[in-house]
Amino acid sequence: GSCRETAKALLQDGGRQYILSAAHGLLD
């Protein structure tokens, strides 16, 4: 959750967030 909040702060001016899953790879 802390990583997700930090990602949101880093992308305030645009961009995209993905999750890297051990089972699925890159996830929207």
mmCIF file of all heavy atoms, coordinates in Angstrom:
data_MODEL
# 
_entry.id   MODEL 
# 
loop_
_atom_site.group_PDB 
_atom_site.id 
_atom_site.type_symbol 
_atom_site.label_atom_id 
_atom_site.label_alt_id 
_atom_site.label_comp_id 
_atom_site.label_asym_id 
_atom_site.label_entity_id 
_atom_site.label_seq_id 
_atom_site.pdbx_PDB_ins_code 
_atom_site.Cartn_x 
_atom_site.Cartn_y 
_atom_site.Cartn_z 
_atom_site.occupancy 
_atom_site.B_iso_or_equiv 
_atom_site.pdbx_formal_charge 
_atom_site.auth_seq_id 
_atom_site.auth_comp_id 
_atom_site.auth_asym_id 
_atom_site.auth_atom_id 
_atom_site.pdbx_PDB_model_num 
ATOM 1   N N   . GLY A 1 1  ? 0.812  -1.212  0.000   1.00 0.00 ? 1  GLY A N   1 
ATOM 2   C CA  . GLY A 1 1  ? 0.000  0.000   0.000   1.00 0.00 ? 1  GLY A CA  1 
ATOM 3   C C   . GLY A 1 1  ? 0.844  1.259   0.000   1.00 0.00 ? 1  GLY A C   1 
ATOM 4   O O   . GLY A 1 1  ? 0.532  2.236   -0.688  1.00 0.00 ? 1  GLY A O   1 
ATOM 5   N N   . SER A 1 2  ? 1.957  1.234   0.747   1.00 0.00 ? 2  SER A N   1 
ATOM 6   C CA  . SER A 1 2  ? 2.858  2.378   0.776   1.00 0.00 ? 2  SER A CA  1 
ATOM 7   C C   . SER A 1 2  ? 3.514  2.582   -0.591  1.00 0.00 ? 2  SER A C   1 
ATOM 8   O O   . SER A 1 2  ? 3.662  3.721   -1.060  1.00 0.00 ? 2  SER A O   1 
ATOM 9   C CB  . SER A 1 2  ? 3.922  2.170   1.850   1.00 0.00 ? 2  SER A CB  1 
ATOM 10  O OG  . SER A 1 2  ? 4.760  3.296   1.961   1.00 0.00 ? 2  SER A OG  1 
ATOM 11  N N   . CYS A 1 3  ? 3.884  1.481   -1.246  1.00 0.00 ? 3  CYS A N   1 
ATOM 12  C CA  . CYS A 1 3  ? 4.455  1.576   -2.602  1.00 0.00 ? 3  CYS A CA  1 
ATOM 13  C C   . CYS A 1 3  ? 3.444  2.162   -3.581  1.00 0.00 ? 3  CYS A C   1 
ATOM 14  O O   . CYS A 1 3  ? 3.787  3.002   -4.431  1.00 0.00 ? 3  CYS A O   1 
ATOM 15  C CB  . CYS A 1 3  ? 4.904  0.196   -3.078  1.00 0.00 ? 3  CYS A CB  1 
ATOM 16  S SG  . CYS A 1 3  ? 6.372  -0.454  -2.248  1.00 0.00 ? 3  CYS A SG  1 
ATOM 17  N N   . ARG A 1 4  ? 2.193  1.743   -3.468  1.00 0.00 ? 4  ARG A N   1 
ATOM 18  C CA  . ARG A 1 4  ? 1.161  2.228   -4.382  1.00 0.00 ? 4  ARG A CA  1 
ATOM 19  C C   . ARG A 1 4  ? 0.932  3.731   -4.187  1.00 0.00 ? 4  ARG A C   1 
ATOM 20  O O   . ARG A 1 4  ? 0.764  4.477   -5.159  1.00 0.00 ? 4  ARG A O   1 
ATOM 21  C CB  . ARG A 1 4  ? -0.136 1.453   -4.137  1.00 0.00 ? 4  ARG A CB  1 
ATOM 22  C CG  . ARG A 1 4  ? -0.085 -0.014  -4.561  1.00 0.00 ? 4  ARG A CG  1 
ATOM 23  C CD  . ARG A 1 4  ? -0.340 -0.182  -6.046  1.00 0.00 ? 4  ARG A CD  1 
ATOM 24  N NE  . ARG A 1 4  ? -1.619 0.368   -6.420  1.00 0.00 ? 4  ARG A NE  1 
ATOM 25  C CZ  . ARG A 1 4  ? -2.796 -0.237  -6.211  1.00 0.00 ? 4  ARG A CZ  1 
ATOM 26  N NH1 . ARG A 1 4  ? -2.830 -1.449  -5.655  1.00 0.00 ? 4  ARG A NH1 1 
ATOM 27  N NH2 . ARG A 1 4  ? -3.913 0.335   -6.588  1.00 0.00 ? 4  ARG A NH2 1 
ATOM 28  N N   . GLU A 1 5  ? 0.905  4.177   -2.943  1.00 0.00 ? 5  GLU A N   1 
ATOM 29  C CA  . GLU A 1 5  ? 0.721  5.602   -2.672  1.00 0.00 ? 5  GLU A CA  1 
ATOM 30  C C   . GLU A 1 5  ? 1.892  6.414   -3.209  1.00 0.00 ? 5  GLU A C   1 
ATOM 31  O O   . GLU A 1 5  ? 1.720  7.513   -3.736  1.00 0.00 ? 5  GLU A O   1 
ATOM 32  C CB  . GLU A 1 5  ? 0.562  5.837   -1.166  1.00 0.00 ? 5  GLU A CB  1 
ATOM 33  C CG  . GLU A 1 5  ? -0.808 5.479   -0.627  1.00 0.00 ? 5  GLU A CG  1 
ATOM 34  C CD  . GLU A 1 5  ? -1.903 6.327   -1.266  1.00 0.00 ? 5  GLU A CD  1 
ATOM 35  O OE1 . GLU A 1 5  ? -1.781 7.568   -1.274  1.00 0.00 ? 5  GLU A OE1 1 
ATOM 36  O OE2 . GLU A 1 5  ? -2.873 5.739   -1.783  1.00 0.00 ? 5  GLU A OE2 1 
ATOM 37  N N   . THR A 1 6  ? 3.087  5.852   -3.092  1.00 0.00 ? 6  THR A N   1 
ATOM 38  C CA  . THR A 1 6  ? 4.269  6.536   -3.606  1.00 0.00 ? 6  THR A CA  1 
ATOM 39  C C   . THR A 1 6  ? 4.227  6.598   -5.128  1.00 0.00 ? 6  THR A C   1 
ATOM 40  O O   . THR A 1 6  ? 4.580  7.622   -5.730  1.00 0.00 ? 6  THR A O   1 
ATOM 41  C CB  . THR A 1 6  ? 5.543  5.820   -3.130  1.00 0.00 ? 6  THR A CB  1 
ATOM 42  O OG1 . THR A 1 6  ? 5.512  5.727   -1.698  1.00 0.00 ? 6  THR A OG1 1 
ATOM 43  C CG2 . THR A 1 6  ? 6.787  6.573   -3.563  1.00 0.00 ? 6  THR A CG2 1 
ATOM 44  N N   . ALA A 1 7  ? 3.813  5.519   -5.756  1.00 0.00 ? 7  ALA A N   1 
ATOM 45  C CA  . ALA A 1 7  ? 3.675  5.516   -7.217  1.00 0.00 ? 7  ALA A CA  1 
ATOM 46  C C   . ALA A 1 7  ? 2.700  6.595   -7.659  1.00 0.00 ? 7  ALA A C   1 
ATOM 47  O O   . ALA A 1 7  ? 2.947  7.320   -8.635  1.00 0.00 ? 7  ALA A O   1 
ATOM 48  C CB  . ALA A 1 7  ? 3.208  4.141   -7.687  1.00 0.00 ? 7  ALA A CB  1 
ATOM 49  N N   . LYS A 1 8  ? 1.598  6.718   -6.955  1.00 0.00 ? 8  LYS A N   1 
ATOM 50  C CA  . LYS A 1 8  ? 0.595  7.740   -7.287  1.00 0.00 ? 8  LYS A CA  1 
ATOM 51  C C   . LYS A 1 8  ? 1.201  9.132   -7.197  1.00 0.00 ? 8  LYS A C   1 
ATOM 52  O O   . LYS A 1 8  ? 0.955  10.000  -8.063  1.00 0.00 ? 8  LYS A O   1 
ATOM 53  C CB  . LYS A 1 8  ? -0.599 7.606   -6.344  1.00 0.00 ? 8  LYS A CB  1 
ATOM 54  C CG  . LYS A 1 8  ? -1.741 8.558   -6.637  1.00 0.00 ? 8  LYS A CG  1 
ATOM 55  C CD  . LYS A 1 8  ? -2.896 8.309   -5.674  1.00 0.00 ? 8  LYS A CD  1 
ATOM 56  C CE  . LYS A 1 8  ? -4.050 9.269   -5.919  1.00 0.00 ? 8  LYS A CE  1 
ATOM 57  N NZ  . LYS A 1 8  ? -5.161 9.030   -4.955  1.00 0.00 ? 8  LYS A NZ  1 
ATOM 58  N N   . ALA A 1 9  ? 2.016  9.378   -6.163  1.00 0.00 ? 9  ALA A N   1 
ATOM 59  C CA  . ALA A 1 9  ? 2.650  10.688  -6.006  1.00 0.00 ? 9  ALA A CA  1 
ATOM 60  C C   . ALA A 1 9  ? 3.639  10.961  -7.136  1.00 0.00 ? 9  ALA A C   1 
ATOM 61  O O   . ALA A 1 9  ? 3.728  12.080  -7.646  1.00 0.00 ? 9  ALA A O   1 
ATOM 62  C CB  . ALA A 1 9  ? 3.362  10.758  -4.651  1.00 0.00 ? 9  ALA A CB  1 
ATOM 63  N N   . LEU A 1 10 ? 4.372  9.935   -7.549  1.00 0.00 ? 10 LEU A N   1 
ATOM 64  C CA  . LEU A 1 10 ? 5.361  10.108  -8.621  1.00 0.00 ? 10 LEU A CA  1 
ATOM 65  C C   . LEU A 1 10 ? 4.711  10.359  -9.978  1.00 0.00 ? 10 LEU A C   1 
ATOM 66  O O   . LEU A 1 10 ? 5.351  10.915  -10.875 1.00 0.00 ? 10 LEU A O   1 
ATOM 67  C CB  . LEU A 1 10 ? 6.259  8.875   -8.705  1.00 0.00 ? 10 LEU A CB  1 
ATOM 68  C CG  . LEU A 1 10 ? 7.260  8.680   -7.566  1.00 0.00 ? 10 LEU A CG  1 
ATOM 69  C CD1 . LEU A 1 10 ? 7.936  7.318   -7.687  1.00 0.00 ? 10 LEU A CD1 1 
ATOM 70  C CD2 . LEU A 1 10 ? 8.300  9.790   -7.569  1.00 0.00 ? 10 LEU A CD2 1 
ATOM 71  N N   . LEU A 1 11 ? 3.462  9.943   -10.126 1.00 0.00 ? 11 LEU A N   1 
ATOM 72  C CA  . LEU A 1 11 ? 2.787  10.040  -11.418 1.00 0.00 ? 11 LEU A CA  1 
ATOM 73  C C   . LEU A 1 11 ? 1.744  11.150  -11.466 1.00 0.00 ? 11 LEU A C   1 
ATOM 74  O O   . LEU A 1 11 ? 0.841  11.122  -12.291 1.00 0.00 ? 11 LEU A O   1 
ATOM 75  C CB  . LEU A 1 11 ? 2.132  8.693   -11.753 1.00 0.00 ? 11 LEU A CB  1 
ATOM 76  C CG  . LEU A 1 11 ? 3.104  7.526   -11.955 1.00 0.00 ? 11 LEU A CG  1 
ATOM 77  C CD1 . LEU A 1 11 ? 2.343  6.214   -12.097 1.00 0.00 ? 11 LEU A CD1 1 
ATOM 78  C CD2 . LEU A 1 11 ? 3.987  7.764   -13.170 1.00 0.00 ? 11 LEU A CD2 1 
ATOM 79  N N   . GLN A 1 12 ? 1.881  12.134  -10.579 1.00 0.00 ? 12 GLN A N   1 
ATOM 80  C CA  . GLN A 1 12 ? 0.902  13.220  -10.554 1.00 0.00 ? 12 GLN A CA  1 
ATOM 81  C C   . GLN A 1 12 ? 0.829  13.969  -11.879 1.00 0.00 ? 12 GLN A C   1 
ATOM 82  O O   . GLN A 1 12 ? -0.221 14.504  -12.238 1.00 0.00 ? 12 GLN A O   1 
ATOM 83  C CB  . GLN A 1 12 ? 1.252  14.205  -9.428  1.00 0.00 ? 12 GLN A CB  1 
ATOM 84  C CG  . GLN A 1 12 ? 1.022  13.639  -8.037  1.00 0.00 ? 12 GLN A CG  1 
ATOM 85  C CD  . GLN A 1 12 ? 1.445  14.621  -6.966  1.00 0.00 ? 12 GLN A CD  1 
ATOM 86  O OE1 . GLN A 1 12 ? 0.644  15.408  -6.487  1.00 0.00 ? 12 GLN A OE1 1 
ATOM 87  N NE2 . GLN A 1 12 ? 2.713  14.589  -6.614  1.00 0.00 ? 12 GLN A NE2 1 
ATOM 88  N N   . ASP A 1 13 ? 1.930  14.015  -12.607 1.00 0.00 ? 13 ASP A N   1 
ATOM 89  C CA  . ASP A 1 13 ? 1.950  14.746  -13.876 1.00 0.00 ? 13 ASP A CA  1 
ATOM 90  C C   . ASP A 1 13 ? 1.773  13.827  -15.078 1.00 0.00 ? 13 ASP A C   1 
ATOM 91  O O   . ASP A 1 13 ? 2.012  14.233  -16.222 1.00 0.00 ? 13 ASP A O   1 
ATOM 92  C CB  . ASP A 1 13 ? 3.265  15.519  -14.011 1.00 0.00 ? 13 ASP A CB  1 
ATOM 93  C CG  . ASP A 1 13 ? 3.343  16.662  -13.007 1.00 0.00 ? 13 ASP A CG  1 
ATOM 94  O OD1 . ASP A 1 13 ? 2.291  17.248  -12.694 1.00 0.00 ? 13 ASP A OD1 1 
ATOM 95  O OD2 . ASP A 1 13 ? 4.453  16.954  -12.549 1.00 0.00 ? 13 ASP A OD2 1 
ATOM 96  N N   . GLY A 1 14 ? 1.350  12.608  -14.856 1.00 0.00 ? 14 GLY A N   1 
ATOM 97  C CA  . GLY A 1 14 ? 1.087  11.691  -15.956 1.00 0.00 ? 14 GLY A CA  1 
ATOM 98  C C   . GLY A 1 14 ? 1.981  10.478  -15.939 1.00 0.00 ? 14 GLY A C   1 
ATOM 99  O O   . GLY A 1 14 ? 3.070  10.485  -15.366 1.00 0.00 ? 14 GLY A O   1 
ATOM 100 N N   . GLY A 1 15 ? 1.522  9.420   -16.560 1.00 0.00 ? 15 GLY A N   1 
ATOM 101 C CA  . GLY A 1 15 ? 2.259  8.167   -16.600 1.00 0.00 ? 15 GLY A CA  1 
ATOM 102 C C   . GLY A 1 15 ? 1.350  7.010   -16.230 1.00 0.00 ? 15 GLY A C   1 
ATOM 103 O O   . GLY A 1 15 ? 0.125  7.159   -16.163 1.00 0.00 ? 15 GLY A O   1 
ATOM 104 N N   . ARG A 1 16 ? 1.940  5.874   -15.967 1.00 0.00 ? 16 ARG A N   1 
ATOM 105 C CA  . ARG A 1 16 ? 1.145  4.679   -15.723 1.00 0.00 ? 16 ARG A CA  1 
ATOM 106 C C   . ARG A 1 16 ? 1.759  3.829   -14.622 1.00 0.00 ? 16 ARG A C   1 
ATOM 107 O O   . ARG A 1 16 ? 2.976  3.741   -14.507 1.00 0.00 ? 16 ARG A O   1 
ATOM 108 C CB  . ARG A 1 16 ? 1.047  3.853   -17.002 1.00 0.00 ? 16 ARG A CB  1 
ATOM 109 C CG  . ARG A 1 16 ? 0.086  2.684   -16.910 1.00 0.00 ? 16 ARG A CG  1 
ATOM 110 C CD  . ARG A 1 16 ? -0.808 2.686   -18.090 1.00 0.00 ? 16 ARG A CD  1 
ATOM 111 N NE  . ARG A 1 16 ? -1.830 1.686   -17.995 1.00 0.00 ? 16 ARG A NE  1 
ATOM 112 C CZ  . ARG A 1 16 ? -2.482 1.204   -19.033 1.00 0.00 ? 16 ARG A CZ  1 
ATOM 113 N NH1 . ARG A 1 16 ? -2.200 1.642   -20.243 1.00 0.00 ? 16 ARG A NH1 1 
ATOM 114 N NH2 . ARG A 1 16 ? -3.431 0.313   -18.897 1.00 0.00 ? 16 ARG A NH2 1 
ATOM 115 N N   . GLN A 1 17 ? 0.906  3.217   -13.844 1.00 0.00 ? 17 GLN A N   1 
ATOM 116 C CA  . GLN A 1 17 ? 1.337  2.332   -12.772 1.00 0.00 ? 17 GLN A CA  1 
ATOM 117 C C   . GLN A 1 17 ? 0.992  0.886   -13.134 1.00 0.00 ? 17 GLN A C   1 
ATOM 118 O O   . GLN A 1 17 ? -0.109 0.594   -13.600 1.00 0.00 ? 17 GLN A O   1 
ATOM 119 C CB  . GLN A 1 17 ? 0.644  2.716   -11.461 1.00 0.00 ? 17 GLN A CB  1 
ATOM 120 C CG  . GLN A 1 17 ? 1.060  1.887   -10.277 1.00 0.00 ? 17 GLN A CG  1 
ATOM 121 C CD  . GLN A 1 17 ? 0.351  2.268   -8.988  1.00 0.00 ? 17 GLN A CD  1 
ATOM 122 O OE1 . GLN A 1 17 ? 0.235  1.469   -8.070  1.00 0.00 ? 17 GLN A OE1 1 
ATOM 123 N NE2 . GLN A 1 17 ? -0.148 3.499   -8.908  1.00 0.00 ? 17 GLN A NE2 1 
ATOM 124 N N   . TYR A 1 18 ? 1.956  -0.005  -12.936 1.00 0.00 ? 18 TYR A N   1 
ATOM 125 C CA  . TYR A 1 18 ? 1.735  -1.435  -13.112 1.00 0.00 ? 18 TYR A CA  1 
ATOM 126 C C   . TYR A 1 18 ? 2.125  -2.160  -11.827 1.00 0.00 ? 18 TYR A C   1 
ATOM 127 O O   . TYR A 1 18 ? 2.929  -1.655  -11.034 1.00 0.00 ? 18 TYR A O   1 
ATOM 128 C CB  . TYR A 1 18 ? 2.595  -2.002  -14.247 1.00 0.00 ? 18 TYR A CB  1 
ATOM 129 C CG  . TYR A 1 18 ? 2.198  -1.579  -15.632 1.00 0.00 ? 18 TYR A CG  1 
ATOM 130 C CD1 . TYR A 1 18 ? 2.893  -0.581  -16.300 1.00 0.00 ? 18 TYR A CD1 1 
ATOM 131 C CD2 . TYR A 1 18 ? 1.136  -2.193  -16.296 1.00 0.00 ? 18 TYR A CD2 1 
ATOM 132 C CE1 . TYR A 1 18 ? 2.547  -0.192  -17.577 1.00 0.00 ? 18 TYR A CE1 1 
ATOM 133 C CE2 . TYR A 1 18 ? 0.784  -1.812  -17.575 1.00 0.00 ? 18 TYR A CE2 1 
ATOM 134 C CZ  . TYR A 1 18 ? 1.498  -0.808  -18.211 1.00 0.00 ? 18 TYR A CZ  1 
ATOM 135 O OH  . TYR A 1 18 ? 1.142  -0.427  -19.484 1.00 0.00 ? 18 TYR A OH  1 
ATOM 136 N N   . ILE A 1 19 ? 1.568  -3.336  -11.669 1.00 0.00 ? 19 ILE A N   1 
ATOM 137 C CA  . ILE A 1 19 ? 2.004  -4.245  -10.610 1.00 0.00 ? 19 ILE A CA  1 
ATOM 138 C C   . ILE A 1 19 ? 2.783  -5.372  -11.266 1.00 0.00 ? 19 ILE A C   1 
ATOM 139 O O   . ILE A 1 19 ? 2.359  -5.923  -12.286 1.00 0.00 ? 19 ILE A O   1 
ATOM 140 C CB  . ILE A 1 19 ? 0.803  -4.795  -9.827  1.00 0.00 ? 19 ILE A CB  1 
ATOM 141 C CG1 . ILE A 1 19 ? 0.116  -3.662  -9.048  1.00 0.00 ? 19 ILE A CG1 1 
ATOM 142 C CG2 . ILE A 1 19 ? 1.242  -5.907  -8.868  1.00 0.00 ? 19 ILE A CG2 1 
ATOM 143 C CD1 . ILE A 1 19 ? -1.183 -4.057  -8.387  1.00 0.00 ? 19 ILE A CD1 1 
ATOM 144 N N   . LEU A 1 20 ? 3.938  -5.699  -10.683 1.00 0.00 ? 20 LEU A N   1 
ATOM 145 C CA  . LEU A 1 20 ? 4.732  -6.816  -11.176 1.00 0.00 ? 20 LEU A CA  1 
ATOM 146 C C   . LEU A 1 20 ? 4.418  -8.022  -10.303 1.00 0.00 ? 20 LEU A C   1 
ATOM 147 O O   . LEU A 1 20 ? 4.802  -8.078  -9.134  1.00 0.00 ? 20 LEU A O   1 
ATOM 148 C CB  . LEU A 1 20 ? 6.219  -6.487  -11.143 1.00 0.00 ? 20 LEU A CB  1 
ATOM 149 C CG  . LEU A 1 20 ? 7.173  -7.565  -11.669 1.00 0.00 ? 20 LEU A CG  1 
ATOM 150 C CD1 . LEU A 1 20 ? 6.786  -8.011  -13.073 1.00 0.00 ? 20 LEU A CD1 1 
ATOM 151 C CD2 . LEU A 1 20 ? 8.610  -7.081  -11.636 1.00 0.00 ? 20 LEU A CD2 1 
ATOM 152 N N   . SER A 1 21 ? 3.698  -8.971  -10.881 1.00 0.00 ? 21 SER A N   1 
ATOM 153 C CA  . SER A 1 21 ? 3.219  -10.148 -10.161 1.00 0.00 ? 21 SER A CA  1 
ATOM 154 C C   . SER A 1 21 ? 4.100  -11.353 -10.468 1.00 0.00 ? 21 SER A C   1 
ATOM 155 O O   . SER A 1 21 ? 4.435  -11.606 -11.628 1.00 0.00 ? 21 SER A O   1 
ATOM 156 C CB  . SER A 1 21 ? 1.769  -10.443 -10.576 1.00 0.00 ? 21 SER A CB  1 
ATOM 157 O OG  . SER A 1 21 ? 1.423  -11.775 -10.283 1.00 0.00 ? 21 SER A OG  1 
ATOM 158 N N   . ALA A 1 22 ? 4.425  -12.104 -9.433  1.00 0.00 ? 22 ALA A N   1 
ATOM 159 C CA  . ALA A 1 22 ? 5.225  -13.319 -9.623  1.00 0.00 ? 22 ALA A CA  1 
ATOM 160 C C   . ALA A 1 22 ? 4.476  -14.355 -10.449 1.00 0.00 ? 22 ALA A C   1 
ATOM 161 O O   . ALA A 1 22 ? 5.095  -15.184 -11.121 1.00 0.00 ? 22 ALA A O   1 
ATOM 162 C CB  . ALA A 1 22 ? 5.599  -13.912 -8.265  1.00 0.00 ? 22 ALA A CB  1 
ATOM 163 N N   . ALA A 1 23 ? 3.160  -14.304 -10.422 1.00 0.00 ? 23 ALA A N   1 
ATOM 164 C CA  . ALA A 1 23 ? 2.352  -15.281 -11.164 1.00 0.00 ? 23 ALA A CA  1 
ATOM 165 C C   . ALA A 1 23 ? 1.944  -14.791 -12.543 1.00 0.00 ? 23 ALA A C   1 
ATOM 166 O O   . ALA A 1 23 ? 1.775  -15.604 -13.462 1.00 0.00 ? 23 ALA A O   1 
ATOM 167 C CB  . ALA A 1 23 ? 1.099  -15.639 -10.363 1.00 0.00 ? 23 ALA A CB  1 
ATOM 168 N N   . HIS A 1 24 ? 1.766  -13.484 -12.708 1.00 0.00 ? 24 HIS A N   1 
ATOM 169 C CA  . HIS A 1 24 ? 1.182  -12.954 -13.943 1.00 0.00 ? 24 HIS A CA  1 
ATOM 170 C C   . HIS A 1 24 ? 2.083  -11.976 -14.683 1.00 0.00 ? 24 HIS A C   1 
ATOM 171 O O   . HIS A 1 24 ? 1.752  -11.561 -15.793 1.00 0.00 ? 24 HIS A O   1 
ATOM 172 C CB  . HIS A 1 24 ? -0.135 -12.251 -13.629 1.00 0.00 ? 24 HIS A CB  1 
ATOM 173 C CG  . HIS A 1 24 ? -1.142 -13.117 -12.945 1.00 0.00 ? 24 HIS A CG  1 
ATOM 174 N ND1 . HIS A 1 24 ? -1.860 -14.089 -13.614 1.00 0.00 ? 24 HIS A ND1 1 
ATOM 175 C CD2 . HIS A 1 24 ? -1.534 -13.171 -11.638 1.00 0.00 ? 24 HIS A CD2 1 
ATOM 176 C CE1 . HIS A 1 24 ? -2.672 -14.701 -12.742 1.00 0.00 ? 24 HIS A CE1 1 
ATOM 177 N NE2 . HIS A 1 24 ? -2.490 -14.163 -11.556 1.00 0.00 ? 24 HIS A NE2 1 
ATOM 178 N N   . GLY A 1 25 ? 3.193  -11.571 -14.127 1.00 0.00 ? 25 GLY A N   1 
ATOM 179 C CA  . GLY A 1 25 ? 4.024  -10.552 -14.768 1.00 0.00 ? 25 GLY A CA  1 
ATOM 180 C C   . GLY A 1 25 ? 3.420  -9.171  -14.593 1.00 0.00 ? 25 GLY A C   1 
ATOM 181 O O   . GLY A 1 25 ? 2.864  -8.856  -13.531 1.00 0.00 ? 25 GLY A O   1 
ATOM 182 N N   . LEU A 1 26 ? 3.506  -8.340  -15.610 1.00 0.00 ? 26 LEU A N   1 
ATOM 183 C CA  . LEU A 1 26 ? 2.974  -6.978  -15.525 1.00 0.00 ? 26 LEU A CA  1 
ATOM 184 C C   . LEU A 1 26 ? 1.449  -6.995  -15.528 1.00 0.00 ? 26 LEU A C   1 
ATOM 185 O O   . LEU A 1 26 ? 0.838  -7.573  -16.431 1.00 0.00 ? 26 LEU A O   1 
ATOM 186 C CB  . LEU A 1 26 ? 3.464  -6.133  -16.690 1.00 0.00 ? 26 LEU A CB  1 
ATOM 187 C CG  . LEU A 1 26 ? 4.889  -5.610  -16.639 1.00 0.00 ? 26 LEU A CG  1 
ATOM 188 C CD1 . LEU A 1 26 ? 5.176  -4.786  -17.888 1.00 0.00 ? 26 LEU A CD1 1 
ATOM 189 C CD2 . LEU A 1 26 ? 5.134  -4.777  -15.392 1.00 0.00 ? 26 LEU A CD2 1 
ATOM 190 N N   . LEU A 1 27 ? 0.874  -6.339  -14.556 1.00 0.00 ? 27 LEU A N   1 
ATOM 191 C CA  . LEU A 1 27 ? -0.576 -6.303  -14.436 1.00 0.00 ? 27 LEU A CA  1 
ATOM 192 C C   . LEU A 1 27 ? -1.077 -4.865  -14.464 1.00 0.00 ? 27 LEU A C   1 
ATOM 193 O O   . LEU A 1 27 ? -0.563 -3.999  -13.732 1.00 0.00 ? 27 LEU A O   1 
ATOM 194 C CB  . LEU A 1 27 ? -1.027 -6.938  -13.117 1.00 0.00 ? 27 LEU A CB  1 
ATOM 195 C CG  . LEU A 1 27 ? -0.981 -8.459  -13.010 1.00 0.00 ? 27 LEU A CG  1 
ATOM 196 C CD1 . LEU A 1 27 ? -1.239 -8.882  -11.564 1.00 0.00 ? 27 LEU A CD1 1 
ATOM 197 C CD2 . LEU A 1 27 ? -2.003 -9.103  -13.937 1.00 0.00 ? 27 LEU A CD2 1 
ATOM 198 N N   . ASP A 1 28 ? -2.090 -4.595  -15.285 1.00 0.00 ? 28 ASP A N   1 
ATOM 199 C CA  . ASP A 1 28 ? -2.852 -3.369  -15.141 1.00 0.00 ? 28 ASP A CA  1 
ATOM 200 C C   . ASP A 1 28 ? -3.654 -3.459  -13.853 1.00 0.00 ? 28 ASP A C   1 
ATOM 201 O O   . ASP A 1 28 ? -4.091 -4.544  -13.453 1.00 0.00 ? 28 ASP A O   1 
ATOM 202 C CB  . ASP A 1 28 ? -3.802 -3.197  -16.327 1.00 0.00 ? 28 ASP A CB  1 
ATOM 203 C CG  . ASP A 1 28 ? -3.053 -2.999  -17.630 1.00 0.00 ? 28 ASP A CG  1 
ATOM 204 O OD1 . ASP A 1 28 ? -2.364 -1.973  -17.754 1.00 0.00 ? 28 ASP A OD1 1 
ATOM 205 O OD2 . ASP A 1 28 ? -3.164 -3.876  -18.507 1.00 0.00 ? 28 ASP A OD2 1 
# 
